[in-house]
Amino acid sequence: PWFANAGVRSYALSVRNREGSRQLTAEQYRTTGIEHYVQAIRAVQGWIGGPVVLIGHSLGGLMVQKAA
């Protein structure tokens, strides 16, 4: 919200099985790896269609490092 309030076009990715995203079955969740989250980030980057700044915390930090 801070960046958006400052006038910076901002997006928040809700990763699978989290609030606001697609819910997975227990089996799907067990077989989800970090590469699946990275693919989701790259898909959003493609949708945005330009340079992006990635910000993540905790697991999100690992996700954005691998996506970068």
N, C-alpha and C. Protein backbone atom coordinates (compact mmCIF):
# COMPACT_ATOMS: atom_id res chain seq x y z
N PRO A 1 0.80 -1.21 0.00
CA PRO A 1 0.00 0.00 0.00
C PRO A 1 0.84 1.28 0.00
N TRP A 2 2.02 1.24 0.62
CA TRP A 2 2.85 2.44 0.69
C TRP A 2 3.22 2.92 -0.70
N PHE A 3 3.69 2.03 -1.55
CA PHE A 3 4.08 2.41 -2.90
C PHE A 3 2.87 2.89 -3.71
N ALA A 4 1.77 2.18 -3.61
CA ALA A 4 0.56 2.58 -4.34
C ALA A 4 0.10 3.97 -3.89
N ASN A 5 0.13 4.24 -2.59
CA ASN A 5 -0.26 5.55 -2.08
C ASN A 5 0.70 6.64 -2.53
N ALA A 6 1.94 6.25 -2.84
CA ALA A 6 2.93 7.21 -3.33
C ALA A 6 2.83 7.40 -4.85
N GLY A 7 1.86 6.74 -5.48
CA GLY A 7 1.66 6.91 -6.91
C GLY A 7 2.40 5.93 -7.78
N VAL A 8 3.01 4.92 -7.17
CA VAL A 8 3.74 3.90 -7.93
C VAL A 8 2.77 2.78 -8.28
N ARG A 9 2.69 2.43 -9.56
CA ARG A 9 1.83 1.31 -9.97
C ARG A 9 2.32 0.06 -9.25
N SER A 10 1.46 -0.57 -8.47
CA SER A 10 1.86 -1.68 -7.61
C SER A 10 0.88 -2.84 -7.71
N TYR A 11 1.42 -4.04 -7.57
CA TYR A 11 0.62 -5.26 -7.60
C TYR A 11 1.07 -6.17 -6.47
N ALA A 12 0.13 -6.89 -5.90
CA ALA A 12 0.45 -7.89 -4.87
C ALA A 12 -0.02 -9.24 -5.37
N LEU A 13 0.89 -10.17 -5.45
CA LEU A 13 0.56 -11.52 -5.92
C LEU A 13 0.10 -12.36 -4.74
N SER A 14 -1.06 -12.92 -4.85
CA SER A 14 -1.56 -13.85 -3.84
C SER A 14 -1.21 -15.25 -4.32
N VAL A 15 -0.28 -15.89 -3.66
CA VAL A 15 0.19 -17.20 -4.12
C VAL A 15 -0.81 -18.29 -3.79
N ARG A 16 -0.72 -19.37 -4.55
CA ARG A 16 -1.66 -20.47 -4.41
C ARG A 16 -1.79 -20.95 -2.97
N ASN A 17 -2.99 -21.27 -2.64
CA ASN A 17 -3.40 -21.79 -1.33
C ASN A 17 -3.36 -20.74 -0.22
N ARG A 18 -3.28 -19.48 -0.60
CA ARG A 18 -3.34 -18.39 0.38
C ARG A 18 -4.64 -17.64 0.15
N GLU A 19 -5.03 -16.84 1.11
CA GLU A 19 -6.28 -16.08 0.99
C GLU A 19 -6.30 -15.27 -0.31
N GLY A 20 -7.40 -15.35 -1.04
CA GLY A 20 -7.54 -14.61 -2.28
C GLY A 20 -7.02 -15.33 -3.50
N SER A 21 -6.50 -16.54 -3.32
CA SER A 21 -5.95 -17.27 -4.47
C SER A 21 -6.64 -18.62 -4.62
N ARG A 22 -6.22 -19.32 -5.66
CA ARG A 22 -6.77 -20.66 -5.93
C ARG A 22 -6.40 -21.61 -4.79
N GLN A 23 -7.38 -22.32 -4.28
CA GLN A 23 -7.14 -23.28 -3.22
C GLN A 23 -6.78 -24.64 -3.82
N LEU A 24 -5.80 -25.27 -3.25
CA LEU A 24 -5.32 -26.56 -3.75
C LEU A 24 -5.83 -27.70 -2.89
N THR A 25 -5.90 -28.87 -3.48
CA THR A 25 -6.17 -30.06 -2.69
C THR A 25 -4.92 -30.35 -1.86
N ALA A 26 -5.06 -31.22 -0.88
CA ALA A 26 -3.91 -31.58 -0.05
C ALA A 26 -2.80 -32.17 -0.90
N GLU A 27 -3.15 -33.02 -1.87
CA GLU A 27 -2.14 -33.64 -2.74
C GLU A 27 -1.45 -32.59 -3.61
N GLN A 28 -2.21 -31.66 -4.18
CA GLN A 28 -1.61 -30.60 -4.99
C GLN A 28 -0.66 -29.76 -4.15
N TYR A 29 -1.06 -29.46 -2.93
CA TYR A 29 -0.23 -28.62 -2.06
C TYR A 29 1.08 -29.33 -1.70
N ARG A 30 0.98 -30.63 -1.44
CA ARG A 30 2.19 -31.41 -1.09
C ARG A 30 3.19 -31.46 -2.24
N THR A 31 2.71 -31.39 -3.46
CA THR A 31 3.60 -31.49 -4.61
C THR A 31 3.97 -30.13 -5.20
N THR A 32 3.58 -29.04 -4.52
CA THR A 32 3.92 -27.70 -4.98
C THR A 32 5.30 -27.34 -4.45
N GLY A 33 6.18 -26.94 -5.35
CA GLY A 33 7.52 -26.54 -4.97
C GLY A 33 7.76 -25.07 -5.26
N ILE A 34 8.91 -24.59 -4.85
CA ILE A 34 9.25 -23.19 -5.04
C ILE A 34 9.20 -22.80 -6.52
N GLU A 35 9.52 -23.74 -7.41
CA GLU A 35 9.50 -23.44 -8.84
C GLU A 35 8.10 -23.07 -9.33
N HIS A 36 7.07 -23.61 -8.69
CA HIS A 36 5.70 -23.26 -9.07
C HIS A 36 5.39 -21.80 -8.71
N TYR A 37 5.88 -21.37 -7.56
CA TYR A 37 5.68 -19.98 -7.15
C TYR A 37 6.46 -19.04 -8.07
N VAL A 38 7.66 -19.44 -8.44
CA VAL A 38 8.48 -18.62 -9.34
C VAL A 38 7.80 -18.50 -10.70
N GLN A 39 7.22 -19.58 -11.19
CA GLN A 39 6.48 -19.53 -12.45
C GLN A 39 5.33 -18.53 -12.36
N ALA A 40 4.65 -18.49 -11.23
CA ALA A 40 3.54 -17.55 -11.05
C ALA A 40 4.04 -16.11 -11.10
N ILE A 41 5.17 -15.85 -10.45
CA ILE A 41 5.74 -14.50 -10.47
C ILE A 41 6.11 -14.12 -11.91
N ARG A 42 6.74 -15.02 -12.61
CA ARG A 42 7.14 -14.73 -14.00
C ARG A 42 5.92 -14.51 -14.90
N ALA A 43 4.84 -15.22 -14.64
CA ALA A 43 3.61 -15.01 -15.42
C ALA A 43 3.07 -13.60 -15.19
N VAL A 44 3.10 -13.14 -13.95
CA VAL A 44 2.63 -11.79 -13.65
C VAL A 44 3.57 -10.76 -14.27
N GLN A 45 4.88 -11.02 -14.22
CA GLN A 45 5.83 -10.12 -14.87
C GLN A 45 5.50 -10.00 -16.36
N GLY A 46 5.20 -11.10 -17.00
CA GLY A 46 4.84 -11.07 -18.41
C GLY A 46 3.57 -10.28 -18.65
N TRP A 47 2.60 -10.43 -17.76
CA TRP A 47 1.35 -9.69 -17.87
C TRP A 47 1.58 -8.19 -17.74
N ILE A 48 2.48 -7.80 -16.81
CA ILE A 48 2.78 -6.38 -16.62
C ILE A 48 3.47 -5.84 -17.87
N GLY A 49 4.37 -6.63 -18.43
CA GLY A 49 4.96 -6.28 -19.71
C GLY A 49 6.07 -5.25 -19.68
N GLY A 50 6.74 -5.10 -18.59
CA GLY A 50 7.85 -4.15 -18.54
C GLY A 50 8.73 -4.46 -17.35
N PRO A 51 9.72 -3.61 -17.12
CA PRO A 51 10.60 -3.81 -15.96
C PRO A 51 9.80 -3.73 -14.66
N VAL A 52 10.17 -4.56 -13.72
CA VAL A 52 9.49 -4.58 -12.42
C VAL A 52 10.52 -4.57 -11.30
N VAL A 53 10.09 -4.14 -10.14
CA VAL A 53 10.86 -4.26 -8.91
C VAL A 53 10.13 -5.28 -8.06
N LEU A 54 10.82 -6.33 -7.67
CA LEU A 54 10.20 -7.38 -6.87
C LEU A 54 10.55 -7.19 -5.41
N ILE A 55 9.54 -7.28 -4.57
CA ILE A 55 9.74 -7.16 -3.12
C ILE A 55 9.06 -8.35 -2.47
N GLY A 56 9.78 -9.03 -1.59
CA GLY A 56 9.20 -10.18 -0.91
C GLY A 56 9.75 -10.30 0.50
N HIS A 57 8.99 -10.97 1.35
CA HIS A 57 9.38 -11.17 2.74
C HIS A 57 9.22 -12.66 3.07
N SER A 58 10.15 -13.18 3.84
CA SER A 58 10.12 -14.57 4.26
C SER A 58 10.11 -15.49 3.04
N LEU A 59 9.13 -16.36 2.87
CA LEU A 59 9.09 -17.22 1.68
C LEU A 59 9.01 -16.38 0.43
N GLY A 60 8.31 -15.25 0.48
CA GLY A 60 8.23 -14.35 -0.66
C GLY A 60 9.59 -13.82 -1.04
N GLY A 61 10.48 -13.63 -0.07
CA GLY A 61 11.85 -13.19 -0.36
C GLY A 61 12.59 -14.22 -1.18
N LEU A 62 12.44 -15.48 -0.83
CA LEU A 62 13.08 -16.54 -1.61
C LEU A 62 12.48 -16.61 -3.01
N MET A 63 11.16 -16.46 -3.08
CA MET A 63 10.49 -16.52 -4.38
C MET A 63 10.99 -15.43 -5.32
N VAL A 64 11.09 -14.19 -4.83
CA VAL A 64 11.50 -13.11 -5.71
C VAL A 64 12.98 -13.19 -6.05
N GLN A 65 13.81 -13.71 -5.15
CA GLN A 65 15.22 -13.90 -5.48
C GLN A 65 15.36 -14.87 -6.63
N LYS A 66 14.63 -15.97 -6.58
CA LYS A 66 14.72 -16.97 -7.65
C LYS A 66 14.12 -16.44 -8.94
N ALA A 67 13.05 -15.65 -8.86
CA ALA A 67 12.43 -15.08 -10.05
C ALA A 67 13.34 -14.05 -10.69
N ALA A 68 14.08 -13.31 -9.88
CA ALA A 68 14.98 -12.28 -10.41
C ALA A 68 16.14 -12.94 -11.13
